[in-house]
Amino acid sequence: VVDMDEIRRELRRRGWYFCDHRGENSTLGDSIWLCMYPYQERMVE
């Protein structure tokens, strides 16, 4: 239901870096993803 392209643009505007999985719009295949490592603990919230 949420526009994932807008999610990507706004998060990047706020300085976040992550990976994209470009699926068809409005499907579960359209996502952002991250590989989680211990140093990222303080960044999750």
ModelCIF file with pLDDT and N, C-alpha, C, O atoms, coordinates in Angstrom:
data_MODEL
#
_entry.id   MODEL 
#
_entity.id                         1 
_entity.type                       polymer 
_entity.pdbx_number_of_molecules   1 
#
_entity_poly.entity_id                      1 
_entity_poly.type                           'polypeptide(L)' 
_entity_poly.nstd_linkage                   no 
_entity_poly.nstd_monomer                   no 
_entity_poly.pdbx_seq_one_letter_code       VVDMDEIRRELRRRGWYFCDHRGENSTLGDSIWLCMYPYQERMVE 
_entity_poly.pdbx_seq_one_letter_code_can   VVDMDEIRRELRRRGWYFCDHRGENSTLGDSIWLCMYPYQERMVE 
_entity_poly.pdbx_strand_id                 A 
#
loop_
_entity_poly_seq.entity_id 
_entity_poly_seq.num 
_entity_poly_seq.mon_id 
_entity_poly_seq.hetero 
1 1  VAL n 
1 2  VAL n 
1 3  ASP n 
1 4  MET n 
1 5  ASP n 
1 6  GLU n 
1 7  ILE n 
1 8  ARG n 
1 9  ARG n 
1 10 GLU n 
1 11 LEU n 
1 12 ARG n 
1 13 ARG n 
1 14 ARG n 
1 15 GLY n 
1 16 TRP n 
1 17 TYR n 
1 18 PHE n 
1 19 CYS n 
1 20 ASP n 
1 21 HIS n 
1 22 ARG n 
1 23 GLY n 
1 24 GLU n 
1 25 ASN n 
1 26 SER n 
1 27 THR n 
1 28 LEU n 
1 29 GLY n 
1 30 ASP n 
1 31 SER n 
1 32 ILE n 
1 33 TRP n 
1 34 LEU n 
1 35 CYS n 
1 36 MET n 
1 37 TYR n 
1 38 PRO n 
1 39 TYR n 
1 40 GLN n 
1 41 GLU n 
1 42 ARG n 
1 43 MET n 
1 44 VAL n 
1 45 GLU n 
#
_struct_asym.id          A 
_struct_asym.entity_id   1 
#
loop_
_ma_qa_metric.id 
_ma_qa_metric.mode 
_ma_qa_metric.name 
_ma_qa_metric.software_group_id 
_ma_qa_metric.type 
1 global pLDDT . pLDDT 
2 local  pLDDT . pLDDT 
#
_ma_qa_metric_global.metric_id      1 
_ma_qa_metric_global.metric_value   94.24 
_ma_qa_metric_global.model_id       1 
_ma_qa_metric_global.ordinal_id     1 
#
loop_
_ma_qa_metric_local.label_asym_id 
_ma_qa_metric_local.label_comp_id 
_ma_qa_metric_local.label_seq_id 
_ma_qa_metric_local.metric_id 
_ma_qa_metric_local.metric_value 
_ma_qa_metric_local.model_id 
_ma_qa_metric_local.ordinal_id 
A VAL 1  2 92.00 1 1  
A VAL 2  2 92.00 1 2  
A ASP 3  2 92.00 1 3  
A MET 4  2 95.00 1 4  
A ASP 5  2 94.00 1 5  
A GLU 6  2 94.00 1 6  
A ILE 7  2 96.00 1 7  
A ARG 8  2 96.00 1 8  
A ARG 9  2 96.00 1 9  
A GLU 10 2 97.00 1 10 
A LEU 11 2 98.00 1 11 
A ARG 12 2 97.00 1 12 
A ARG 13 2 97.00 1 13 
A ARG 14 2 97.00 1 14 
A GLY 15 2 97.00 1 15 
A TRP 16 2 97.00 1 16 
A TYR 17 2 96.00 1 17 
A PHE 18 2 96.00 1 18 
A CYS 19 2 95.00 1 19 
A ASP 20 2 94.00 1 20 
A HIS 21 2 93.00 1 21 
A ARG 22 2 90.00 1 22 
A GLY 23 2 87.00 1 23 
A GLU 24 2 88.00 1 24 
A ASN 25 2 87.00 1 25 
A SER 26 2 89.00 1 26 
A THR 27 2 92.00 1 27 
A LEU 28 2 92.00 1 28 
A GLY 29 2 91.00 1 29 
A ASP 30 2 94.00 1 30 
A SER 31 2 96.00 1 31 
A ILE 32 2 97.00 1 32 
A TRP 33 2 96.00 1 33 
A LEU 34 2 95.00 1 34 
A CYS 35 2 95.00 1 35 
A MET 36 2 96.00 1 36 
A TYR 37 2 96.00 1 37 
A PRO 38 2 96.00 1 38 
A TYR 39 2 92.00 1 39 
A GLN 40 2 92.00 1 40 
A GLU 41 2 94.00 1 41 
A ARG 42 2 95.00 1 42 
A MET 43 2 96.00 1 43 
A VAL 44 2 97.00 1 44 
A GLU 45 2 97.00 1 45 
#
loop_
_atom_site.group_PDB 
_atom_site.id 
_atom_site.type_symbol 
_atom_site.label_atom_id 
_atom_site.label_alt_id 
_atom_site.label_comp_id 
_atom_site.label_asym_id 
_atom_site.label_entity_id 
_atom_site.label_seq_id 
_atom_site.pdbx_PDB_ins_code 
_atom_site.Cartn_x 
_atom_site.Cartn_y 
_atom_site.Cartn_z 
_atom_site.occupancy 
_atom_site.B_iso_or_equiv 
_atom_site.pdbx_formal_charge 
_atom_site.auth_seq_id 
_atom_site.auth_comp_id 
_atom_site.auth_asym_id 
_atom_site.auth_atom_id 
_atom_site.pdbx_PDB_model_num 
ATOM 1   N N  . VAL A 1 1  ? 0.815  -1.229 0.000  1.00 92.00 ? 1  VAL A N  1 
ATOM 2   C CA . VAL A 1 1  ? 0.000  0.000  0.000  1.00 92.00 ? 1  VAL A CA 1 
ATOM 3   C C  . VAL A 1 1  ? 0.841  1.267  0.000  1.00 92.00 ? 1  VAL A C  1 
ATOM 4   O O  . VAL A 1 1  ? 0.439  2.274  -0.585 1.00 92.00 ? 1  VAL A O  1 
ATOM 5   N N  . VAL A 1 2  ? 1.994  1.234  0.643  1.00 92.00 ? 2  VAL A N  1 
ATOM 6   C CA . VAL A 1 2  ? 2.877  2.397  0.692  1.00 92.00 ? 2  VAL A CA 1 
ATOM 7   C C  . VAL A 1 2  ? 3.719  2.455  -0.583 1.00 92.00 ? 2  VAL A C  1 
ATOM 8   O O  . VAL A 1 2  ? 4.138  1.417  -1.095 1.00 92.00 ? 2  VAL A O  1 
ATOM 9   N N  . ASP A 1 3  ? 3.965  3.650  -1.093 1.00 92.00 ? 3  ASP A N  1 
ATOM 10  C CA . ASP A 1 3  ? 4.782  3.841  -2.286 1.00 92.00 ? 3  ASP A CA 1 
ATOM 11  C C  . ASP A 1 3  ? 6.254  3.632  -1.912 1.00 92.00 ? 3  ASP A C  1 
ATOM 12  O O  . ASP A 1 3  ? 6.865  4.496  -1.283 1.00 92.00 ? 3  ASP A O  1 
ATOM 13  N N  . MET A 1 4  ? 6.814  2.494  -2.297 1.00 95.00 ? 4  MET A N  1 
ATOM 14  C CA . MET A 1 4  ? 8.185  2.182  -1.908 1.00 95.00 ? 4  MET A CA 1 
ATOM 15  C C  . MET A 1 4  ? 9.198  3.108  -2.567 1.00 95.00 ? 4  MET A C  1 
ATOM 16  O O  . MET A 1 4  ? 10.261 3.353  -1.996 1.00 95.00 ? 4  MET A O  1 
ATOM 17  N N  . ASP A 1 5  ? 8.897  3.626  -3.750 1.00 94.00 ? 5  ASP A N  1 
ATOM 18  C CA . ASP A 1 5  ? 9.807  4.582  -4.374 1.00 94.00 ? 5  ASP A CA 1 
ATOM 19  C C  . ASP A 1 5  ? 9.914  5.852  -3.534 1.00 94.00 ? 5  ASP A C  1 
ATOM 20  O O  . ASP A 1 5  ? 10.995 6.422  -3.391 1.00 94.00 ? 5  ASP A O  1 
ATOM 21  N N  . GLU A 1 6  ? 8.795  6.284  -2.985 1.00 94.00 ? 6  GLU A N  1 
ATOM 22  C CA . GLU A 1 6  ? 8.836  7.462  -2.117 1.00 94.00 ? 6  GLU A CA 1 
ATOM 23  C C  . GLU A 1 6  ? 9.584  7.155  -0.829 1.00 94.00 ? 6  GLU A C  1 
ATOM 24  O O  . GLU A 1 6  ? 10.318 7.999  -0.316 1.00 94.00 ? 6  GLU A O  1 
ATOM 25  N N  . ILE A 1 7  ? 9.399  5.953  -0.311 1.00 96.00 ? 7  ILE A N  1 
ATOM 26  C CA . ILE A 1 7  ? 10.151 5.529  0.876  1.00 96.00 ? 7  ILE A CA 1 
ATOM 27  C C  . ILE A 1 7  ? 11.645 5.621  0.607  1.00 96.00 ? 7  ILE A C  1 
ATOM 28  O O  . ILE A 1 7  ? 12.397 6.157  1.422  1.00 96.00 ? 7  ILE A O  1 
ATOM 29  N N  . ARG A 1 8  ? 12.075 5.099  -0.537 1.00 96.00 ? 8  ARG A N  1 
ATOM 30  C CA . ARG A 1 8  ? 13.499 5.109  -0.880 1.00 96.00 ? 8  ARG A CA 1 
ATOM 31  C C  . ARG A 1 8  ? 14.026 6.543  -0.982 1.00 96.00 ? 8  ARG A C  1 
ATOM 32  O O  . ARG A 1 8  ? 15.062 6.879  -0.406 1.00 96.00 ? 8  ARG A O  1 
ATOM 33  N N  . ARG A 1 9  ? 13.300 7.379  -1.721 1.00 96.00 ? 9  ARG A N  1 
ATOM 34  C CA . ARG A 1 9  ? 13.762 8.755  -1.937 1.00 96.00 ? 9  ARG A CA 1 
ATOM 35  C C  . ARG A 1 9  ? 13.893 9.514  -0.623 1.00 96.00 ? 9  ARG A C  1 
ATOM 36  O O  . ARG A 1 9  ? 14.901 10.179 -0.384 1.00 96.00 ? 9  ARG A O  1 
ATOM 37  N N  . GLU A 1 10 ? 12.877 9.416  0.225  1.00 97.00 ? 10 GLU A N  1 
ATOM 38  C CA . GLU A 1 10 ? 12.881 10.197 1.451  1.00 97.00 ? 10 GLU A CA 1 
ATOM 39  C C  . GLU A 1 10 ? 13.920 9.685  2.449  1.00 97.00 ? 10 GLU A C  1 
ATOM 40  O O  . GLU A 1 10 ? 14.584 10.479 3.115  1.00 97.00 ? 10 GLU A O  1 
ATOM 41  N N  . LEU A 1 11 ? 14.060 8.373  2.553  1.00 98.00 ? 11 LEU A N  1 
ATOM 42  C CA . LEU A 1 11 ? 15.077 7.834  3.461  1.00 98.00 ? 11 LEU A CA 1 
ATOM 43  C C  . LEU A 1 11 ? 16.471 8.247  3.014  1.00 98.00 ? 11 LEU A C  1 
ATOM 44  O O  . LEU A 1 11 ? 17.317 8.585  3.843  1.00 98.00 ? 11 LEU A O  1 
ATOM 45  N N  . ARG A 1 12 ? 16.713 8.221  1.712  1.00 97.00 ? 12 ARG A N  1 
ATOM 46  C CA . ARG A 1 12 ? 18.027 8.630  1.215  1.00 97.00 ? 12 ARG A CA 1 
ATOM 47  C C  . ARG A 1 12 ? 18.238 10.133 1.420  1.00 97.00 ? 12 ARG A C  1 
ATOM 48  O O  . ARG A 1 12 ? 19.353 10.574 1.698  1.00 97.00 ? 12 ARG A O  1 
ATOM 49  N N  . ARG A 1 13 ? 17.178 10.904 1.284  1.00 97.00 ? 13 ARG A N  1 
ATOM 50  C CA . ARG A 1 13 ? 17.297 12.342 1.542  1.00 97.00 ? 13 ARG A CA 1 
ATOM 51  C C  . ARG A 1 13 ? 17.687 12.601 2.990  1.00 97.00 ? 13 ARG A C  1 
ATOM 52  O O  . ARG A 1 13 ? 18.364 13.582 3.297  1.00 97.00 ? 13 ARG A O  1 
ATOM 53  N N  . ARG A 1 14 ? 17.253 11.708 3.879  1.00 97.00 ? 14 ARG A N  1 
ATOM 54  C CA . ARG A 1 14 ? 17.584 11.845 5.297  1.00 97.00 ? 14 ARG A CA 1 
ATOM 55  C C  . ARG A 1 14 ? 18.945 11.235 5.638  1.00 97.00 ? 14 ARG A C  1 
ATOM 56  O O  . ARG A 1 14 ? 19.348 11.216 6.801  1.00 97.00 ? 14 ARG A O  1 
ATOM 57  N N  . GLY A 1 15 ? 19.642 10.742 4.628  1.00 97.00 ? 15 GLY A N  1 
ATOM 58  C CA . GLY A 1 15 ? 21.014 10.285 4.831  1.00 97.00 ? 15 GLY A CA 1 
ATOM 59  C C  . GLY A 1 15 ? 21.204 8.799  5.050  1.00 97.00 ? 15 GLY A C  1 
ATOM 60  O O  . GLY A 1 15 ? 22.296 8.375  5.430  1.00 97.00 ? 15 GLY A O  1 
ATOM 61  N N  . TRP A 1 16 ? 20.165 7.984  4.818  1.00 97.00 ? 16 TRP A N  1 
ATOM 62  C CA . TRP A 1 16 ? 20.290 6.544  5.025  1.00 97.00 ? 16 TRP A CA 1 
ATOM 63  C C  . TRP A 1 16 ? 20.745 5.827  3.765  1.00 97.00 ? 16 TRP A C  1 
ATOM 64  O O  . TRP A 1 16 ? 20.402 6.215  2.648  1.00 97.00 ? 16 TRP A O  1 
ATOM 65  N N  . TYR A 1 17 ? 21.530 4.764  3.969  1.00 96.00 ? 17 TYR A N  1 
ATOM 66  C CA . TYR A 1 17 ? 21.995 3.921  2.876  1.00 96.00 ? 17 TYR A CA 1 
ATOM 67  C C  . TYR A 1 17 ? 21.457 2.505  3.084  1.00 96.00 ? 17 TYR A C  1 
ATOM 68  O O  . TYR A 1 17 ? 21.467 1.989  4.202  1.00 96.00 ? 17 TYR A O  1 
ATOM 69  N N  . PHE A 1 18 ? 20.993 1.887  2.011  1.00 96.00 ? 18 PHE A N  1 
ATOM 70  C CA . PHE A 1 18 ? 20.424 0.544  2.078  1.00 96.00 ? 18 PHE A CA 1 
ATOM 71  C C  . PHE A 1 18 ? 20.408 -0.019 0.668  1.00 96.00 ? 18 PHE A C  1 
ATOM 72  O O  . PHE A 1 18 ? 20.768 0.667  -0.288 1.00 96.00 ? 18 PHE A O  1 
ATOM 73  N N  . CYS A 1 19 ? 19.988 -1.275 0.542  1.00 95.00 ? 19 CYS A N  1 
ATOM 74  C CA . CYS A 1 19 ? 19.929 -1.929 -0.768 1.00 95.00 ? 19 CYS A CA 1 
ATOM 75  C C  . CYS A 1 19 ? 18.492 -1.972 -1.272 1.00 95.00 ? 19 CYS A C  1 
ATOM 76  O O  . CYS A 1 19 ? 17.547 -1.940 -0.485 1.00 95.00 ? 19 CYS A O  1 
ATOM 77  N N  . ASP A 1 20 ? 18.338 -2.044 -2.586 1.00 94.00 ? 20 ASP A N  1 
ATOM 78  C CA . ASP A 1 20 ? 17.019 -2.102 -3.217 1.00 94.00 ? 20 ASP A CA 1 
ATOM 79  C C  . ASP A 1 20 ? 16.760 -3.466 -3.813 1.00 94.00 ? 20 ASP A C  1 
ATOM 80  O O  . ASP A 1 20 ? 17.670 -4.127 -4.313 1.00 94.00 ? 20 ASP A O  1 
ATOM 81  N N  . HIS A 1 21 ? 15.503 -3.881 -3.754 1.00 93.00 ? 21 HIS A N  1 
ATOM 82  C CA . HIS A 1 21 ? 15.038 -5.014 -4.550 1.00 93.00 ? 21 HIS A CA 1 
ATOM 83  C C  . HIS A 1 21 ? 13.859 -4.491 -5.353 1.00 93.00 ? 21 HIS A C  1 
ATOM 84  O O  . HIS A 1 21 ? 12.763 -4.323 -4.820 1.00 93.00 ? 21 HIS A O  1 
ATOM 85  N N  . ARG A 1 22 ? 14.085 -4.235 -6.634 1.00 90.00 ? 22 ARG A N  1 
ATOM 86  C CA . ARG A 1 22 ? 13.094 -3.555 -7.466 1.00 90.00 ? 22 ARG A CA 1 
ATOM 87  C C  . ARG A 1 22 ? 12.095 -4.538 -8.047 1.00 90.00 ? 22 ARG A C  1 
ATOM 88  O O  . ARG A 1 22 ? 12.292 -5.071 -9.139 1.00 90.00 ? 22 ARG A O  1 
ATOM 89  N N  . GLY A 1 23 ? 11.032 -4.770 -7.314 1.00 87.00 ? 23 GLY A N  1 
ATOM 90  C CA . GLY A 1 23 ? 9.965  -5.612 -7.813 1.00 87.00 ? 23 GLY A CA 1 
ATOM 91  C C  . GLY A 1 23 ? 8.842  -4.777 -8.395 1.00 87.00 ? 23 GLY A C  1 
ATOM 92  O O  . GLY A 1 23 ? 8.947  -3.553 -8.477 1.00 87.00 ? 23 GLY A O  1 
ATOM 93  N N  . GLU A 1 24 ? 7.787  -5.425 -8.790 1.00 88.00 ? 24 GLU A N  1 
ATOM 94  C CA . GLU A 1 24 ? 6.629  -4.715 -9.332 1.00 88.00 ? 24 GLU A CA 1 
ATOM 95  C C  . GLU A 1 24 ? 5.991  -3.875 -8.235 1.00 88.00 ? 24 GLU A C  1 
ATOM 96  O O  . GLU A 1 24 ? 5.876  -4.320 -7.093 1.00 88.00 ? 24 GLU A O  1 
ATOM 97  N N  . ASN A 1 25 ? 5.572  -2.649 -8.584 1.00 87.00 ? 25 ASN A N  1 
ATOM 98  C CA . ASN A 1 25 ? 4.978  -1.752 -7.602 1.00 87.00 ? 25 ASN A CA 1 
ATOM 99  C C  . ASN A 1 25 ? 3.779  -2.402 -6.905 1.00 87.00 ? 25 ASN A C  1 
ATOM 100 O O  . ASN A 1 25 ? 3.015  -3.151 -7.515 1.00 87.00 ? 25 ASN A O  1 
ATOM 101 N N  . SER A 1 26 ? 3.636  -2.094 -5.611 1.00 89.00 ? 26 SER A N  1 
ATOM 102 C CA . SER A 1 26 ? 2.515  -2.567 -4.798 1.00 89.00 ? 26 SER A CA 1 
ATOM 103 C C  . SER A 1 26 ? 2.491  -4.086 -4.642 1.00 89.00 ? 26 SER A C  1 
ATOM 104 O O  . SER A 1 26 ? 1.428  -4.684 -4.468 1.00 89.00 ? 26 SER A O  1 
ATOM 105 N N  . THR A 1 27 ? 3.664  -4.701 -4.704 1.00 92.00 ? 27 THR A N  1 
ATOM 106 C CA . THR A 1 27 ? 3.782  -6.125 -4.430 1.00 92.00 ? 27 THR A CA 1 
ATOM 107 C C  . THR A 1 27 ? 4.862  -6.319 -3.362 1.00 92.00 ? 27 THR A C  1 
ATOM 108 O O  . THR A 1 27 ? 5.690  -5.436 -3.138 1.00 92.00 ? 27 THR A O  1 
ATOM 109 N N  . LEU A 1 28 ? 4.843  -7.463 -2.716 1.00 92.00 ? 28 LEU A N  1 
ATOM 110 C CA . LEU A 1 28 ? 5.831  -7.735 -1.674 1.00 92.00 ? 28 LEU A CA 1 
ATOM 111 C C  . LEU A 1 28 ? 7.241  -7.848 -2.234 1.00 92.00 ? 28 LEU A C  1 
ATOM 112 O O  . LEU A 1 28 ? 8.216  -7.787 -1.485 1.00 92.00 ? 28 LEU A O  1 
ATOM 113 N N  . GLY A 1 29 ? 7.353  -8.012 -3.544 1.00 91.00 ? 29 GLY A N  1 
ATOM 114 C CA . GLY A 1 29 ? 8.675  -8.103 -4.153 1.00 91.00 ? 29 GLY A CA 1 
ATOM 115 C C  . GLY A 1 29 ? 9.384  -6.771 -4.291 1.00 91.00 ? 29 GLY A C  1 
ATOM 116 O O  . GLY A 1 29 ? 10.561 -6.735 -4.648 1.00 91.00 ? 29 GLY A O  1 
ATOM 117 N N  . ASP A 1 30 ? 8.687  -5.668 -4.014 1.00 94.00 ? 30 ASP A N  1 
ATOM 118 C CA . ASP A 1 30 ? 9.283  -4.335 -4.104 1.00 94.00 ? 30 ASP A CA 1 
ATOM 119 C C  . ASP A 1 30 ? 9.708  -3.928 -2.699 1.00 94.00 ? 30 ASP A C  1 
ATOM 120 O O  . ASP A 1 30 ? 8.862  -3.610 -1.863 1.00 94.00 ? 30 ASP A O  1 
ATOM 121 N N  . SER A 1 31 ? 11.011 -3.935 -2.433 1.00 96.00 ? 31 SER A N  1 
ATOM 122 C CA . SER A 1 31 ? 11.444 -3.782 -1.042 1.00 96.00 ? 31 SER A CA 1 
ATOM 123 C C  . SER A 1 31 ? 12.768 -3.055 -0.927 1.00 96.00 ? 31 SER A C  1 
ATOM 124 O O  . SER A 1 31 ? 13.466 -2.819 -1.913 1.00 96.00 ? 31 SER A O  1 
ATOM 125 N N  . ILE A 1 32 ? 13.093 -2.707 0.313  1.00 97.00 ? 32 ILE A N  1 
ATOM 126 C CA . ILE A 1 32 ? 14.439 -2.274 0.670  1.00 97.00 ? 32 ILE A CA 1 
ATOM 127 C C  . ILE A 1 32 ? 14.991 -3.327 1.627  1.00 97.00 ? 32 ILE A C  1 
ATOM 128 O O  . ILE A 1 32 ? 14.229 -3.990 2.332  1.00 97.00 ? 32 ILE A O  1 
ATOM 129 N N  . TRP A 1 33 ? 16.316 -3.481 1.652  1.00 96.00 ? 33 TRP A N  1 
ATOM 130 C CA . TRP A 1 33 ? 16.889 -4.499 2.531  1.00 96.00 ? 33 TRP A CA 1 
ATOM 131 C C  . TRP A 1 33 ? 18.264 -4.090 3.025  1.00 96.00 ? 33 TRP A C  1 
ATOM 132 O O  . TRP A 1 33 ? 18.947 -3.268 2.415  1.00 96.00 ? 33 TRP A O  1 
ATOM 133 N N  . LEU A 1 34 ? 18.653 -4.688 4.150  1.00 95.00 ? 34 LEU A N  1 
ATOM 134 C CA . LEU A 1 34 ? 19.935 -4.394 4.779  1.00 95.00 ? 34 LEU A CA 1 
ATOM 135 C C  . LEU A 1 34 ? 20.525 -5.673 5.343  1.00 95.00 ? 34 LEU A C  1 
ATOM 136 O O  . LEU A 1 34 ? 19.798 -6.554 5.802  1.00 95.00 ? 34 LEU A O  1 
ATOM 137 N N  . CYS A 1 35 ? 21.845 -5.767 5.308  1.00 95.00 ? 35 CYS A N  1 
ATOM 138 C CA . CYS A 1 35 ? 22.546 -6.859 5.970  1.00 95.00 ? 35 CYS A CA 1 
ATOM 139 C C  . CYS A 1 35 ? 22.951 -6.366 7.352  1.00 95.00 ? 35 CYS A C  1 
ATOM 140 O O  . CYS A 1 35 ? 23.626 -5.344 7.476  1.00 95.00 ? 35 CYS A O  1 
ATOM 141 N N  . MET A 1 36 ? 22.543 -7.086 8.385  1.00 96.00 ? 36 MET A N  1 
ATOM 142 C CA . MET A 1 36 ? 22.684 -6.619 9.761  1.00 96.00 ? 36 MET A CA 1 
ATOM 143 C C  . MET A 1 36 ? 23.964 -7.132 10.412 1.00 96.00 ? 36 MET A C  1 
ATOM 144 O O  . MET A 1 36 ? 24.217 -8.336 10.459 1.00 96.00 ? 36 MET A O  1 
ATOM 145 N N  . TYR A 1 37 ? 24.767 -6.189 10.913 1.00 96.00 ? 37 TYR A N  1 
ATOM 146 C CA . TYR A 1 37 ? 26.011 -6.514 11.603 1.00 96.00 ? 37 TYR A CA 1 
ATOM 147 C C  . TYR A 1 37 ? 26.007 -5.860 12.988 1.00 96.00 ? 37 TYR A C  1 
ATOM 148 O O  . TYR A 1 37 ? 25.243 -4.924 13.225 1.00 96.00 ? 37 TYR A O  1 
ATOM 149 N N  . PRO A 1 38 ? 26.852 -6.345 13.905 1.00 96.00 ? 38 PRO A N  1 
ATOM 150 C CA . PRO A 1 38 ? 26.831 -5.818 15.270 1.00 96.00 ? 38 PRO A CA 1 
ATOM 151 C C  . PRO A 1 38 ? 26.999 -4.300 15.359 1.00 96.00 ? 38 PRO A C  1 
ATOM 152 O O  . PRO A 1 38 ? 26.383 -3.665 16.214 1.00 96.00 ? 38 PRO A O  1 
ATOM 153 N N  . TYR A 1 39 ? 27.816 -3.716 14.494 1.00 92.00 ? 39 TYR A N  1 
ATOM 154 C CA . TYR A 1 39 ? 28.034 -2.274 14.595 1.00 92.00 ? 39 TYR A CA 1 
ATOM 155 C C  . TYR A 1 39 ? 26.784 -1.467 14.266 1.00 92.00 ? 39 TYR A C  1 
ATOM 156 O O  . TYR A 1 39 ? 26.724 -0.272 14.553 1.00 92.00 ? 39 TYR A O  1 
ATOM 157 N N  . GLN A 1 40 ? 25.774 -2.119 13.659 1.00 92.00 ? 40 GLN A N  1 
ATOM 158 C CA . GLN A 1 40 ? 24.553 -1.406 13.296 1.00 92.00 ? 40 GLN A CA 1 
ATOM 159 C C  . GLN A 1 40 ? 23.523 -1.373 14.416 1.00 92.00 ? 40 GLN A C  1 
ATOM 160 O O  . GLN A 1 40 ? 22.438 -0.816 14.247 1.00 92.00 ? 40 GLN A O  1 
ATOM 161 N N  . GLU A 1 41 ? 23.855 -1.963 15.557 1.00 94.00 ? 41 GLU A N  1 
ATOM 162 C CA . GLU A 1 41 ? 22.875 -2.050 16.641 1.00 94.00 ? 41 GLU A CA 1 
ATOM 163 C C  . GLU A 1 41 ? 22.325 -0.669 17.008 1.00 94.00 ? 41 GLU A C  1 
ATOM 164 O O  . GLU A 1 41 ? 21.121 -0.515 17.216 1.00 94.00 ? 41 GLU A O  1 
ATOM 165 N N  . ARG A 1 42 ? 23.192 0.319  17.087 1.00 95.00 ? 42 ARG A N  1 
ATOM 166 C CA . ARG A 1 42 ? 22.748 1.651  17.505 1.00 95.00 ? 42 ARG A CA 1 
ATOM 167 C C  . ARG A 1 42 ? 21.947 2.373  16.427 1.00 95.00 ? 42 ARG A C  1 
ATOM 168 O O  . ARG A 1 42 ? 21.348 3.413  16.703 1.00 95.00 ? 42 ARG A O  1 
ATOM 169 N N  . MET A 1 43 ? 21.925 1.843  15.207 1.00 96.00 ? 43 MET A N  1 
ATOM 170 C CA . MET A 1 43 ? 21.232 2.520  14.110 1.00 96.00 ? 43 MET A CA 1 
ATOM 171 C C  . MET A 1 43 ? 19.833 1.971  13.849 1.00 96.00 ? 43 MET A C  1 
ATOM 172 O O  . MET A 1 43 ? 19.061 2.576  13.105 1.00 96.00 ? 43 MET A O  1 
ATOM 173 N N  . VAL A 1 44 ? 19.493 0.813  14.464 1.00 97.00 ? 44 VAL A N  1 
ATOM 174 C CA . VAL A 1 44 ? 18.222 0.175  14.144 1.00 97.00 ? 44 VAL A CA 1 
ATOM 175 C C  . VAL A 1 44 ? 17.040 1.066  14.506 1.00 97.00 ? 44 VAL A C  1 
ATOM 176 O O  . VAL A 1 44 ? 16.172 1.312  13.669 1.00 97.00 ? 44 VAL A O  1 
ATOM 177 N N  . GLU A 1 45 ? 16.997 1.555  15.750 1.00 97.00 ? 45 GLU A N  1 
ATOM 178 C CA . GLU A 1 45 ? 15.856 2.361  16.179 1.00 97.00 ? 45 GLU A CA 1 
ATOM 179 C C  . GLU A 1 45 ? 15.746 3.677  15.395 1.00 97.00 ? 45 GLU A C  1 
ATOM 180 O O  . GLU A 1 45 ? 14.835 4.467  15.640 1.00 97.00 ? 45 GLU A O  1 
#
